[in-house]
Amino acid sequence: MTDENGAPRSYVTVEVYDQIYHLSGQDEEHIRALAARVDAKMRAVAGLGHTADSLRVAVLAALNLADELSQLERATQAQTQRPDPRSDLRFGHARAVSLRGLLDEVLEDERKTGS
């Protein structure tokens, strides 16, 4: 089998919850790390419950991982929406300098015209 560029596709063999999977991807180490994380989560879920059904364990592990992702997304969103107080100060200072320059121009024009 080849990828979209015609290069031979490489497969990574991983084991998740005592099952062997042959996965393809560009970053083998990343795939192995993801598989290890899923395996660890499934084993943790299985250790807490009394079910031997691997499908049930997989669904519960997926729900746990989805919850972790959701919490991370909320935290990231909250951080990006919270303005940096230092940027507010910088903006305020820049705005004050700009307004002062405009005021100086107006006053200079009035001084020149005598109005």
PDB file of N, CA and C in Angstrom:
ATOM      1  N   MET A   1       0.843  -1.175   0.000  1.00  0.00           N
ATOM      2  CA  MET A   1       0.000   0.000   0.000  1.00  0.00           C
ATOM      3  C   MET A   1       0.891   1.242   0.000  1.00  0.00           C
ATOM      4  N   THR A   2       0.420   2.318  -0.672  1.00  0.00           N
ATOM      5  CA  THR A   2       1.193   3.552  -0.749  1.00  0.00           C
ATOM      6  C   THR A   2       0.353   4.727  -0.286  1.00  0.00           C
ATOM      7  N   ASP A   3       1.041   5.820   0.055  1.00  0.00           N
ATOM      8  CA  ASP A   3       0.324   7.033   0.449  1.00  0.00           C
ATOM      9  C   ASP A   3      -0.036   7.842  -0.789  1.00  0.00           C
ATOM     10  N   GLU A   4      -0.563   9.058  -0.594  1.00  0.00           N
ATOM     11  CA  GLU A   4      -1.006   9.889  -1.713  1.00  0.00           C
ATOM     12  C   GLU A   4       0.133  10.330  -2.613  1.00  0.00           C
ATOM     13  N   ASN A   5       1.369  10.260  -2.143  1.00  0.00           N
ATOM     14  CA  ASN A   5       2.537  10.636  -2.947  1.00  0.00           C
ATOM     15  C   ASN A   5       3.192   9.435  -3.611  1.00  0.00           C
ATOM     16  N   GLY A   6       2.624   8.254  -3.431  1.00  0.00           N
ATOM     17  CA  GLY A   6       3.186   7.053  -4.032  1.00  0.00           C
ATOM     18  C   GLY A   6       4.265   6.385  -3.201  1.00  0.00           C
ATOM     19  N   ALA A   7       4.591   6.953  -2.039  1.00  0.00           N
ATOM     20  CA  ALA A   7       5.607   6.364  -1.162  1.00  0.00           C
ATOM     21  C   ALA A   7       4.991   5.197  -0.393  1.00  0.00           C
ATOM     22  N   PRO A   8       5.789   4.191  -0.105  1.00  0.00           N
ATOM     23  CA  PRO A   8       5.249   3.073   0.673  1.00  0.00           C
ATOM     24  C   PRO A   8       4.769   3.555   2.039  1.00  0.00           C
ATOM     25  N   ARG A   9       3.603   3.114   2.420  1.00  0.00           N
ATOM     26  CA  ARG A   9       3.024   3.507   3.705  1.00  0.00           C
ATOM     27  C   ARG A   9       3.594   2.601   4.785  1.00  0.00           C
ATOM     28  N   SER A  10       4.044   3.204   5.863  1.00  0.00           N
ATOM     29  CA  SER A  10       4.582   2.409   6.967  1.00  0.00           C
ATOM     30  C   SER A  10       3.509   2.239   8.035  1.00  0.00           C
ATOM     31  N   TYR A  11       3.555   1.111   8.676  1.00  0.00           N
ATOM     32  CA  TYR A  11       2.596   0.814   9.730  1.00  0.00           C
ATOM     33  C   TYR A  11       3.302   0.702  11.057  1.00  0.00           C
ATOM     34  N   VAL A  12       2.601   1.096  12.086  1.00  0.00           N
ATOM     35  CA  VAL A  12       3.102   0.983  13.448  1.00  0.00           C
ATOM     36  C   VAL A  12       2.231  -0.054  14.140  1.00  0.00           C
ATOM     37  N   THR A  13       2.854  -0.987  14.793  1.00  0.00           N
ATOM     38  CA  THR A  13       2.104  -1.999  15.529  1.00  0.00           C
ATOM     39  C   THR A  13       2.073  -1.587  16.988  1.00  0.00           C
ATOM     40  N   VAL A  14       0.855  -1.483  17.517  1.00  0.00           N
ATOM     41  CA  VAL A  14       0.678  -1.104  18.920  1.00  0.00           C
ATOM     42  C   VAL A  14      -0.264  -2.103  19.581  1.00  0.00           C
ATOM     43  N   GLU A  15      -0.198  -2.117  20.889  1.00  0.00           N
ATOM     44  CA  GLU A  15      -1.095  -2.974  21.659  1.00  0.00           C
ATOM     45  C   GLU A  15      -1.897  -2.093  22.605  1.00  0.00           C
ATOM     46  N   VAL A  16      -3.211  -2.211  22.508  1.00  0.00           N
ATOM     47  CA  VAL A  16      -4.104  -1.456  23.371  1.00  0.00           C
ATOM     48  C   VAL A  16      -5.063  -2.442  24.022  1.00  0.00           C
ATOM     49  N   TYR A  17      -5.007  -2.506  25.324  1.00  0.00           N
ATOM     50  CA  TYR A  17      -5.885  -3.368  26.111  1.00  0.00           C
ATOM     51  C   TYR A  17      -5.857  -4.807  25.596  1.00  0.00           C
ATOM     52  N   ASP A  18      -4.627  -5.295  25.425  1.00  0.00           N
ATOM     53  CA  ASP A  18      -4.342  -6.670  24.996  1.00  0.00           C
ATOM     54  C   ASP A  18      -4.792  -6.995  23.574  1.00  0.00           C
ATOM     55  N   GLN A  19      -5.003  -5.971  22.766  1.00  0.00           N
ATOM     56  CA  GLN A  19      -5.332  -6.172  21.353  1.00  0.00           C
ATOM     57  C   GLN A  19      -4.247  -5.518  20.506  1.00  0.00           C
ATOM     58  N   ILE A  20      -3.867  -6.175  19.422  1.00  0.00           N
ATOM     59  CA  ILE A  20      -2.840  -5.665  18.519  1.00  0.00           C
ATOM     60  C   ILE A  20      -3.521  -4.881  17.396  1.00  0.00           C
ATOM     61  N   TYR A  21      -2.961  -3.697  17.118  1.00  0.00           N
ATOM     62  CA  TYR A  21      -3.476  -2.856  16.032  1.00  0.00           C
ATOM     63  C   TYR A  21      -2.300  -2.434  15.149  1.00  0.00           C
ATOM     64  N   HIS A  22      -2.536  -2.427  13.850  1.00  0.00           N
ATOM     65  CA  HIS A  22      -1.546  -1.956  12.878  1.00  0.00           C
ATOM     66  C   HIS A  22      -2.068  -0.624  12.354  1.00  0.00           C
ATOM     67  N   LEU A  23      -1.405   0.455  12.728  1.00  0.00           N
ATOM     68  CA  LEU A  23      -1.859   1.798  12.399  1.00  0.00           C
ATOM     69  C   LEU A  23      -0.865   2.469  11.467  1.00  0.00           C
ATOM     70  N   SER A  24      -1.373   3.327  10.604  1.00  0.00           N
ATOM     71  CA  SER A  24      -0.475   4.069   9.729  1.00  0.00           C
ATOM     72  C   SER A  24      -0.488   5.532  10.139  1.00  0.00           C
ATOM     73  N   GLY A  25       0.612   6.180   9.905  1.00  0.00           N
ATOM     74  CA  GLY A  25       0.723   7.595  10.236  1.00  0.00           C
ATOM     75  C   GLY A  25       2.134   8.074  10.000  1.00  0.00           C
ATOM     76  N   GLN A  26       2.301   9.370  10.033  1.00  0.00           N
ATOM     77  CA  GLN A  26       3.602   9.951   9.731  1.00  0.00           C
ATOM     78  C   GLN A  26       4.539   9.966  10.935  1.00  0.00           C
ATOM     79  N   ASP A  27       3.988  10.027  12.137  1.00  0.00           N
ATOM     80  CA  ASP A  27       4.812  10.152  13.341  1.00  0.00           C
ATOM     81  C   ASP A  27       4.620   8.915  14.226  1.00  0.00           C
ATOM     82  N   GLU A  28       5.496   7.953  14.059  1.00  0.00           N
ATOM     83  CA  GLU A  28       5.363   6.690  14.782  1.00  0.00           C
ATOM     84  C   GLU A  28       5.375   6.877  16.293  1.00  0.00           C
ATOM     85  N   GLU A  29       6.250   7.724  16.780  1.00  0.00           N
ATOM     86  CA  GLU A  29       6.340   7.930  18.232  1.00  0.00           C
ATOM     87  C   GLU A  29       5.050   8.535  18.779  1.00  0.00           C
ATOM     88  N   HIS A  30       4.462   9.439  18.029  1.00  0.00           N
ATOM     89  CA  HIS A  30       3.200  10.052  18.457  1.00  0.00           C
ATOM     90  C   HIS A  30       2.090   8.997  18.504  1.00  0.00           C
ATOM     91  N   ILE A  31       2.043   8.145  17.499  1.00  0.00           N
ATOM     92  CA  ILE A  31       1.035   7.075  17.472  1.00  0.00           C
ATOM     93  C   ILE A  31       1.227   6.145  18.653  1.00  0.00           C
ATOM     94  N   ARG A  32       2.477   5.793  18.922  1.00  0.00           N
ATOM     95  CA  ARG A  32       2.753   4.913  20.072  1.00  0.00           C
ATOM     96  C   ARG A  32       2.344   5.586  21.394  1.00  0.00           C
ATOM     97  N   ALA A  33       2.617   6.873  21.512  1.00  0.00           N
ATOM     98  CA  ALA A  33       2.252   7.598  22.737  1.00  0.00           C
ATOM     99  C   ALA A  33       0.731   7.653  22.903  1.00  0.00           C
ATOM    100  N   LEU A  34       0.020   7.888  21.802  1.00  0.00           N
ATOM    101  CA  LEU A  34      -1.449   7.911  21.879  1.00  0.00           C
ATOM    102  C   LEU A  34      -1.993   6.546  22.273  1.00  0.00           C
ATOM    103  N   ALA A  35      -1.458   5.497  21.663  1.00  0.00           N
ATOM    104  CA  ALA A  35      -1.907   4.141  21.987  1.00  0.00           C
ATOM    105  C   ALA A  35      -1.632   3.819  23.458  1.00  0.00           C
ATOM    106  N   ALA A  36      -0.483   4.235  23.944  1.00  0.00           N
ATOM    107  CA  ALA A  36      -0.141   3.992  25.351  1.00  0.00           C
ATOM    108  C   ALA A  36      -1.100   4.742  26.274  1.00  0.00           C
ATOM    109  N   ARG A  37      -1.479   5.948  25.877  1.00  0.00           N
ATOM    110  CA  ARG A  37      -2.409   6.731  26.696  1.00  0.00           C
ATOM    111  C   ARG A  37      -3.788   6.081  26.733  1.00  0.00           C
ATOM    112  N   VAL A  38      -4.255   5.621  25.574  1.00  0.00           N
ATOM    113  CA  VAL A  38      -5.556   4.949  25.520  1.00  0.00           C
ATOM    114  C   VAL A  38      -5.503   3.664  26.334  1.00  0.00           C
ATOM    115  N   ASP A  39      -4.430   2.890  26.193  1.00  0.00           N
ATOM    116  CA  ASP A  39      -4.279   1.658  26.952  1.00  0.00           C
ATOM    117  C   ASP A  39      -4.310   1.935  28.451  1.00  0.00           C
ATOM    118  N   ALA A  40      -3.571   2.954  28.879  1.00  0.00           N
ATOM    119  CA  ALA A  40      -3.532   3.295  30.312  1.00  0.00           C
ATOM    120  C   ALA A  40      -4.911   3.714  30.807  1.00  0.00           C
ATOM    121  N   LYS A  41      -5.625   4.507  30.001  1.00  0.00           N
ATOM    122  CA  LYS A  41      -6.956   4.963  30.418  1.00  0.00           C
ATOM    123  C   LYS A  41      -7.912   3.775  30.500  1.00  0.00           C
ATOM    124  N   MET A  42      -7.849   2.874  29.525  1.00  0.00           N
ATOM    125  CA  MET A  42      -8.724   1.700  29.552  1.00  0.00           C
ATOM    126  C   MET A  42      -8.434   0.830  30.766  1.00  0.00           C
ATOM    127  N   ARG A  43      -7.165   0.666  31.095  1.00  0.00           N
ATOM    128  CA  ARG A  43      -6.812  -0.156  32.257  1.00  0.00           C
ATOM    129  C   ARG A  43      -7.259   0.521  33.567  1.00  0.00           C
ATOM    130  N   ALA A  44      -7.162   1.834  33.606  1.00  0.00           N
ATOM    131  CA  ALA A  44      -7.619   2.556  34.799  1.00  0.00           C
ATOM    132  C   ALA A  44      -9.124   2.417  34.962  1.00  0.00           C
ATOM    133  N   VAL A  45      -9.861   2.548  33.866  1.00  0.00           N
ATOM    134  CA  VAL A  45     -11.320   2.406  33.914  1.00  0.00           C
ATOM    135  C   VAL A  45     -11.687   0.982  34.314  1.00  0.00           C
ATOM    136  N   ALA A  46     -11.023   0.005  33.730  1.00  0.00           N
ATOM    137  CA  ALA A  46     -11.306  -1.395  34.053  1.00  0.00           C
ATOM    138  C   ALA A  46     -10.988  -1.689  35.514  1.00  0.00           C
ATOM    139  N   GLY A  47      -9.949  -1.051  36.044  1.00  0.00           N
ATOM    140  CA  GLY A  47      -9.574  -1.264  37.440  1.00  0.00           C
ATOM    141  C   GLY A  47     -10.594  -0.705  38.420  1.00  0.00           C
ATOM    142  N   LEU A  48     -11.359   0.299  37.985  1.00  0.00           N
ATOM    143  CA  LEU A  48     -12.359   0.907  38.866  1.00  0.00           C
ATOM    144  C   LEU A  48     -13.698   0.181  38.830  1.00  0.00           C
ATOM    145  N   GLY A  49     -13.972  -0.496  37.740  1.00  0.00           N
ATOM    146  CA  GLY A  49     -15.284  -1.121  37.578  1.00  0.00           C
ATOM    147  C   GLY A  49     -15.229  -2.615  37.744  1.00  0.00           C
ATOM    148  N   HIS A  50     -16.378  -3.185  37.533  1.00  0.00           N
ATOM    149  CA  HIS A  50     -16.489  -4.637  37.656  1.00  0.00           C
ATOM    150  C   HIS A  50     -16.879  -5.255  36.325  1.00  0.00           C
ATOM    151  N   THR A  51     -16.575  -4.569  35.224  1.00  0.00           N
ATOM    152  CA  THR A  51     -16.940  -5.088  33.923  1.00  0.00           C
ATOM    153  C   THR A  51     -15.738  -5.680  33.222  1.00  0.00           C
ATOM    154  N   ALA A  52     -15.967  -6.776  32.532  1.00  0.00           N
ATOM    155  CA  ALA A  52     -14.906  -7.397  31.748  1.00  0.00           C
ATOM    156  C   ALA A  52     -15.141  -7.145  30.265  1.00  0.00           C
ATOM    157  N   ASP A  53     -16.239  -6.472  29.937  1.00  0.00           N
ATOM    158  CA  ASP A  53     -16.591  -6.193  28.553  1.00  0.00           C
ATOM    159  C   ASP A  53     -15.675  -5.107  28.004  1.00  0.00           C
ATOM    160  N   SER A  54     -14.812  -5.469  27.056  1.00  0.00           N
ATOM    161  CA  SER A  54     -13.826  -4.520  26.557  1.00  0.00           C
ATOM    162  C   SER A  54     -14.471  -3.363  25.796  1.00  0.00           C
ATOM    163  N   LEU A  55     -15.596  -3.588  25.151  1.00  0.00           N
ATOM    164  CA  LEU A  55     -16.277  -2.492  24.457  1.00  0.00           C
ATOM    165  C   LEU A  55     -16.760  -1.456  25.461  1.00  0.00           C
ATOM    166  N   ARG A  56     -17.322  -1.916  26.571  1.00  0.00           N
ATOM    167  CA  ARG A  56     -17.777  -1.002  27.618  1.00  0.00           C
ATOM    168  C   ARG A  56     -16.608  -0.221  28.217  1.00  0.00           C
ATOM    169  N   VAL A  57     -15.505  -0.909  28.452  1.00  0.00           N
ATOM    170  CA  VAL A  57     -14.307  -0.265  28.982  1.00  0.00           C
ATOM    171  C   VAL A  57     -13.811   0.786  27.990  1.00  0.00           C
ATOM    172  N   ALA A  58     -13.815   0.454  26.696  1.00  0.00           N
ATOM    173  CA  ALA A  58     -13.355   1.395  25.671  1.00  0.00           C
ATOM    174  C   ALA A  58     -14.232   2.637  25.622  1.00  0.00           C
ATOM    175  N   VAL A  59     -15.540   2.454  25.707  1.00  0.00           N
ATOM    176  CA  VAL A  59     -16.455   3.607  25.670  1.00  0.00           C
ATOM    177  C   VAL A  59     -16.257   4.479  26.902  1.00  0.00           C
ATOM    178  N   LEU A  60     -16.133   3.879  28.062  1.00  0.00           N
ATOM    179  CA  LEU A  60     -15.913   4.653  29.284  1.00  0.00           C
ATOM    180  C   LEU A  60     -14.567   5.377  29.238  1.00  0.00           C
ATOM    181  N   ALA A  61     -13.545   4.725  28.706  1.00  0.00           N
ATOM    182  CA  ALA A  61     -12.235   5.374  28.562  1.00  0.00           C
ATOM    183  C   ALA A  61     -12.339   6.537  27.583  1.00  0.00           C
ATOM    184  N   ALA A  62     -13.052   6.349  26.477  1.00  0.00           N
ATOM    185  CA  ALA A  62     -13.227   7.426  25.494  1.00  0.00           C
ATOM    186  C   ALA A  62     -13.967   8.603  26.116  1.00  0.00           C
ATOM    187  N   LEU A  63     -14.977   8.329  26.921  1.00  0.00           N
ATOM    188  CA  LEU A  63     -15.698   9.406  27.602  1.00  0.00           C
ATOM    189  C   LEU A  63     -14.782  10.156  28.566  1.00  0.00           C
ATOM    190  N   ASN A  64     -13.944   9.431  29.275  1.00  0.00           N
ATOM    191  CA  ASN A  64     -12.983  10.078  30.185  1.00  0.00           C
ATOM    192  C   ASN A  64     -12.010  10.955  29.411  1.00  0.00           C
ATOM    193  N   LEU A  65     -11.485  10.458  28.296  1.00  0.00           N
ATOM    194  CA  LEU A  65     -10.550  11.236  27.482  1.00  0.00           C
ATOM    195  C   LEU A  65     -11.247  12.457  26.869  1.00  0.00           C
ATOM    196  N   ALA A  66     -12.494  12.274  26.433  1.00  0.00           N
ATOM    197  CA  ALA A  66     -13.256  13.400  25.876  1.00  0.00           C
ATOM    198  C   ALA A  66     -13.500  14.465  26.941  1.00  0.00           C
ATOM    199  N   ASP A  67     -13.749  14.042  28.176  1.00  0.00           N
ATOM    200  CA  ASP A  67     -13.941  14.992  29.267  1.00  0.00           C
ATOM    201  C   ASP A  67     -12.652  15.764  29.542  1.00  0.00           C
ATOM    202  N   GLU A  68     -11.518  15.084  29.548  1.00  0.00           N
ATOM    203  CA  GLU A  68     -10.231  15.759  29.742  1.00  0.00           C
ATOM    204  C   GLU A  68      -9.992  16.782  28.641  1.00  0.00           C
ATOM    205  N   LEU A  69     -10.285  16.408  27.405  1.00  0.00           N
ATOM    206  CA  LEU A  69     -10.122  17.318  26.279  1.00  0.00           C
ATOM    207  C   LEU A  69     -11.040  18.521  26.407  1.00  0.00           C
ATOM    208  N   SER A  70     -12.270  18.278  26.800  1.00  0.00           N
ATOM    209  CA  SER A  70     -13.245  19.357  26.969  1.00  0.00           C
ATOM    210  C   SER A  70     -12.796  20.348  28.042  1.00  0.00           C
ATOM    211  N   GLN A  71     -12.293  19.835  29.151  1.00  0.00           N
ATOM    212  CA  GLN A  71     -11.801  20.720  30.219  1.00  0.00           C
ATOM    213  C   GLN A  71     -10.608  21.538  29.743  1.00  0.00           C
ATOM    214  N   LEU A  72      -9.721  20.923  28.990  1.00  0.00           N
ATOM    215  CA  LEU A  72      -8.562  21.633  28.454  1.00  0.00           C
ATOM    216  C   LEU A  72      -9.000  22.714  27.470  1.00  0.00           C
ATOM    217  N   GLU A  73      -9.970  22.395  26.620  1.00  0.00           N
ATOM    218  CA  GLU A  73     -10.482  23.390  25.663  1.00  0.00           C
ATOM    219  C   GLU A  73     -11.114  24.571  26.388  1.00  0.00           C
ATOM    220  N   ARG A  74     -11.887  24.304  27.438  1.00  0.00           N
ATOM    221  CA  ARG A  74     -12.512  25.393  28.213  1.00  0.00           C
ATOM    222  C   ARG A  74     -11.457  26.259  28.870  1.00  0.00           C
ATOM    223  N   ALA A  75     -10.441  25.633  29.431  1.00  0.00           N
ATOM    224  CA  ALA A  75      -9.373  26.397  30.091  1.00  0.00           C
ATOM    225  C   ALA A  75      -8.614  27.248  29.078  1.00  0.00           C
ATOM    226  N   THR A  76      -8.344  26.687  27.920  1.00  0.00           N
ATOM    227  CA  THR A  76      -7.641  27.430  26.869  1.00  0.00           C
ATOM    228  C   THR A  76      -8.491  28.590  26.386  1.00  0.00           C
ATOM    229  N   GLN A  77      -9.772  28.342  26.195  1.00  0.00           N
ATOM    230  CA  GLN A  77     -10.682  29.398  25.740  1.00  0.00           C
ATOM    231  C   GLN A  77     -10.777  30.512  26.777  1.00  0.00           C
ATOM    232  N   ALA A  78     -10.836  30.153  28.036  1.00  0.00           N
ATOM    233  CA  ALA A  78     -10.907  31.163  29.095  1.00  0.00           C
ATOM    234  C   ALA A  78      -9.644  32.010  29.119  1.00  0.00           C
ATOM    235  N   GLN A  79      -8.497  31.385  28.886  1.00  0.00           N
ATOM    236  CA  GLN A  79      -7.236  32.133  28.878  1.00  0.00           C
ATOM    237  C   GLN A  79      -7.166  33.082  27.701  1.00  0.00           C
ATOM    238  N   THR A  80      -7.620  32.651  26.529  1.00  0.00           N
ATOM    239  CA  THR A  80      -7.530  33.510  25.353  1.00  0.00           C
ATOM    240  C   THR A  80      -8.538  34.636  25.399  1.00  0.00           C
ATOM    241  N   GLN A  81      -9.625  34.463  26.137  1.00  0.00           N
ATOM    242  CA  GLN A  81     -10.631  35.514  26.237  1.00  0.00           C
ATOM    243  C   GLN A  81     -10.309  36.519  27.330  1.00  0.00           C
ATOM    244  N   ARG A  82      -9.464  36.132  28.280  1.00  0.00           N
ATOM    245  CA  ARG A  82      -9.104  37.021  29.371  1.00  0.00           C
ATOM    246  C   ARG A  82      -8.011  37.961  28.887  1.00  0.00           C
ATOM    247  N   PRO A  83      -8.274  39.257  28.862  1.00  0.00           N
ATOM    248  CA  PRO A  83      -7.243  40.176  28.379  1.00  0.00           C
ATOM    249  C   PRO A  83      -6.058  40.241  29.340  1.00  0.00           C
ATOM    250  N   ASP A  84      -4.917  40.411  28.768  1.00  0.00           N
ATOM    251  CA  ASP A  84      -3.699  40.573  29.546  1.00  0.00           C
ATOM    252  C   ASP A  84      -3.684  41.999  30.095  1.00  0.00           C
ATOM    253  N   PRO A  85      -3.658  42.187  31.412  1.00  0.00           N
ATOM    254  CA  PRO A  85      -3.681  43.543  31.972  1.00  0.00           C
ATOM    255  C   PRO A  85      -2.520  44.398  31.475  1.00  0.00           C
ATOM    256  N   ARG A  86      -1.392  43.772  31.203  1.00  0.00           N
ATOM    257  CA  ARG A  86      -0.253  44.545  30.695  1.00  0.00           C
ATOM    258  C   ARG A  86      -0.552  45.099  29.311  1.00  0.00           C
ATOM    259  N   SER A  87      -1.289  44.326  28.483  1.00  0.00           N
ATOM    260  CA  SER A  87      -1.606  44.836  27.151  1.00  0.00           C
ATOM    261  C   SER A  87      -2.593  45.989  27.259  1.00  0.00           C
ATOM    262  N   ASP A  88      -3.484  45.937  28.247  1.00  0.00           N
ATOM    263  CA  ASP A  88      -4.403  47.058  28.475  1.00  0.00           C
ATOM    264  C   ASP A  88      -3.629  48.321  28.830  1.00  0.00           C
ATOM    265  N   LEU A  89      -2.607  48.181  29.674  1.00  0.00           N
ATOM    266  CA  LEU A  89      -1.792  49.333  30.060  1.00  0.00           C
ATOM    267  C   LEU A  89      -1.029  49.883  28.871  1.00  0.00           C
ATOM    268  N   ARG A  90      -0.458  48.960  28.063  1.00  0.00           N
ATOM    269  CA  ARG A  90       0.279  49.406  26.875  1.00  0.00           C
ATOM    270  C   ARG A  90      -0.658  50.116  25.912  1.00  0.00           C
ATOM    271  N   PHE A  91      -1.845  49.556  25.706  1.00  0.00           N
ATOM    272  CA  PHE A  91      -2.814  50.184  24.801  1.00  0.00           C
ATOM    273  C   PHE A  91      -3.235  51.540  25.347  1.00  0.00           C
ATOM    274  N   GLY A  92      -3.498  51.601  26.643  1.00  0.00           N
ATOM    275  CA  GLY A  92      -3.906  52.862  27.263  1.00  0.00           C
ATOM    276  C   GLY A  92      -2.835  53.925  27.129  1.00  0.00           C
ATOM    277  N   HIS A  93      -1.592  53.534  27.333  1.00  0.00           N
ATOM    278  CA  HIS A  93      -0.475  54.481  27.211  1.00  0.00           C
ATOM    279  C   HIS A  93      -0.342  54.957  25.767  1.00  0.00           C
ATOM    280  N   ALA A  94      -0.404  54.031  24.822  1.00  0.00           N
ATOM    281  CA  ALA A  94      -0.286  54.401  23.410  1.00  0.00           C
ATOM    282  C   ALA A  94      -1.432  55.317  22.998  1.00  0.00           C
ATOM    283  N   ARG A  95      -2.622  55.019  23.486  1.00  0.00           N
ATOM    284  CA  ARG A  95      -3.784  55.857  23.167  1.00  0.00           C
ATOM    285  C   ARG A  95      -3.615  57.252  23.768  1.00  0.00           C
ATOM    286  N   ALA A  96      -3.113  57.342  24.983  1.00  0.00           N
ATOM    287  CA  ALA A  96      -2.898  58.643  25.624  1.00  0.00           C
ATOM    288  C   ALA A  96      -1.863  59.456  24.854  1.00  0.00           C
ATOM    289  N   VAL A  97      -0.795  58.806  24.422  1.00  0.00           N
ATOM    290  CA  VAL A  97       0.234  59.502  23.649  1.00  0.00           C
ATOM    291  C   VAL A  97      -0.363  60.008  22.339  1.00  0.00           C
ATOM    292  N   SER A  98      -1.157  59.176  21.693  1.00  0.00           N
ATOM    293  CA  SER A  98      -1.777  59.570  20.430  1.00  0.00           C
ATOM    294  C   SER A  98      -2.729  60.746  20.623  1.00  0.00           C
ATOM    295  N   LEU A  99      -3.551  60.691  21.654  1.00  0.00           N
ATOM    296  CA  LEU A  99      -4.490  61.788  21.924  1.00  0.00           C
ATOM    297  C   LEU A  99      -3.753  63.071  22.296  1.00  0.00           C
ATOM    298  N   ARG A 100      -2.669  62.927  23.054  1.00  0.00           N
ATOM    299  CA  ARG A 100      -1.885  64.097  23.420  1.00  0.00           C
ATOM    300  C   ARG A 100      -1.304  64.754  22.173  1.00  0.00           C
ATOM    301  N   GLY A 101      -0.836  63.939  21.224  1.00  0.00           N
ATOM    302  CA  GLY A 101      -0.308  64.463  19.967  1.00  0.00           C
ATOM    303  C   GLY A 101      -1.371  65.203  19.177  1.00  0.00           C
ATOM    304  N   LEU A 102      -2.579  64.632  19.124  1.00  0.00           N
ATOM    305  CA  LEU A 102      -3.676  65.306  18.420  1.00  0.00           C
ATOM    306  C   LEU A 102      -4.035  66.628  19.092  1.00  0.00           C
ATOM    307  N   LEU A 103      -4.089  66.627  20.399  1.00  0.00           N
ATOM    308  CA  LEU A 103      -4.407  67.840  21.150  1.00  0.00           C
ATOM    309  C   LEU A 103      -3.334  68.907  20.920  1.00  0.00           C
ATOM    310  N   ASP A 104      -2.064  68.492  20.936  1.00  0.00           N
ATOM    311  CA  ASP A 104      -0.967  69.430  20.663  1.00  0.00           C
ATOM    312  C   ASP A 104      -1.130  70.056  19.278  1.00  0.00           C
ATOM    313  N   GLU A 105      -1.520  69.263  18.285  1.00  0.00           N
ATOM    314  CA  GLU A 105      -1.705  69.778  16.936  1.00  0.00           C
ATOM    315  C   GLU A 105      -2.835  70.806  16.886  1.00  0.00           C
ATOM    316  N   VAL A 106      -3.938  70.479  17.542  1.00  0.00           N
ATOM    317  CA  VAL A 106      -5.092  71.393  17.554  1.00  0.00           C
ATOM    318  C   VAL A 106      -4.705  72.698  18.248  1.00  0.00           C
ATOM    319  N   LEU A 107      -4.039  72.592  19.383  1.00  0.00           N
ATOM    320  CA  LEU A 107      -3.646  73.797  20.116  1.00  0.00           C
ATOM    321  C   LEU A 107      -2.641  74.618  19.319  1.00  0.00           C
ATOM    322  N   GLU A 108      -1.738  73.963  18.636  1.00  0.00           N
ATOM    323  CA  GLU A 108      -0.752  74.666  17.808  1.00  0.00           C
ATOM    324  C   GLU A 108      -1.447  75.395  16.665  1.00  0.00           C
ATOM    325  N   ASP A 109      -2.410  74.737  16.021  1.00  0.00           N
ATOM    326  CA  ASP A 109      -3.178  75.380  14.936  1.00  0.00           C
ATOM    327  C   ASP A 109      -3.935  76.585  15.471  1.00  0.00           C
ATOM    328  N   GLU A 110      -4.550  76.450  16.644  1.00  0.00           N
ATOM    329  CA  GLU A 110      -5.299  77.577  17.222  1.00  0.00           C
ATOM    330  C   GLU A 110      -4.355  78.729  17.580  1.00  0.00           C
ATOM    331  N   ARG A 111      -3.184  78.390  18.090  1.00  0.00           N
ATOM    332  CA  ARG A 111      -2.210  79.421  18.442  1.00  0.00           C
ATOM    333  C   ARG A 111      -1.768  80.186  17.201  1.00  0.00           C
ATOM    334  N   LYS A 112      -1.566  79.458  16.092  1.00  0.00           N
ATOM    335  CA  LYS A 112      -1.118  80.085  14.842  1.00  0.00           C
ATOM    336  C   LYS A 112      -2.203  80.983  14.243  1.00  0.00           C
ATOM    337  N   THR A 113      -3.431  80.540  14.309  1.00  0.00           N
ATOM    338  CA  THR A 113      -4.537  81.284  13.691  1.00  0.00           C
ATOM    339  C   THR A 113      -5.094  82.340  14.643  1.00  0.00           C
ATOM    340  N   GLY A 114      -4.791  82.185  15.925  1.00  0.00           N
ATOM    341  CA  GLY A 114      -5.286  83.152  16.917  1.00  0.00           C
ATOM    342  C   GLY A 114      -6.745  82.949  17.259  1.00  0.00           C
ATOM    343  N   SER A 115      -7.294  81.758  16.978  1.00  0.00           N
ATOM    344  CA  SER A 115      -8.710  81.539  17.286  1.00  0.00           C
ATOM    345  C   SER A 115      -8.928  81.078  18.683  1.00  0.00           C
TER     346      SER A 115
END
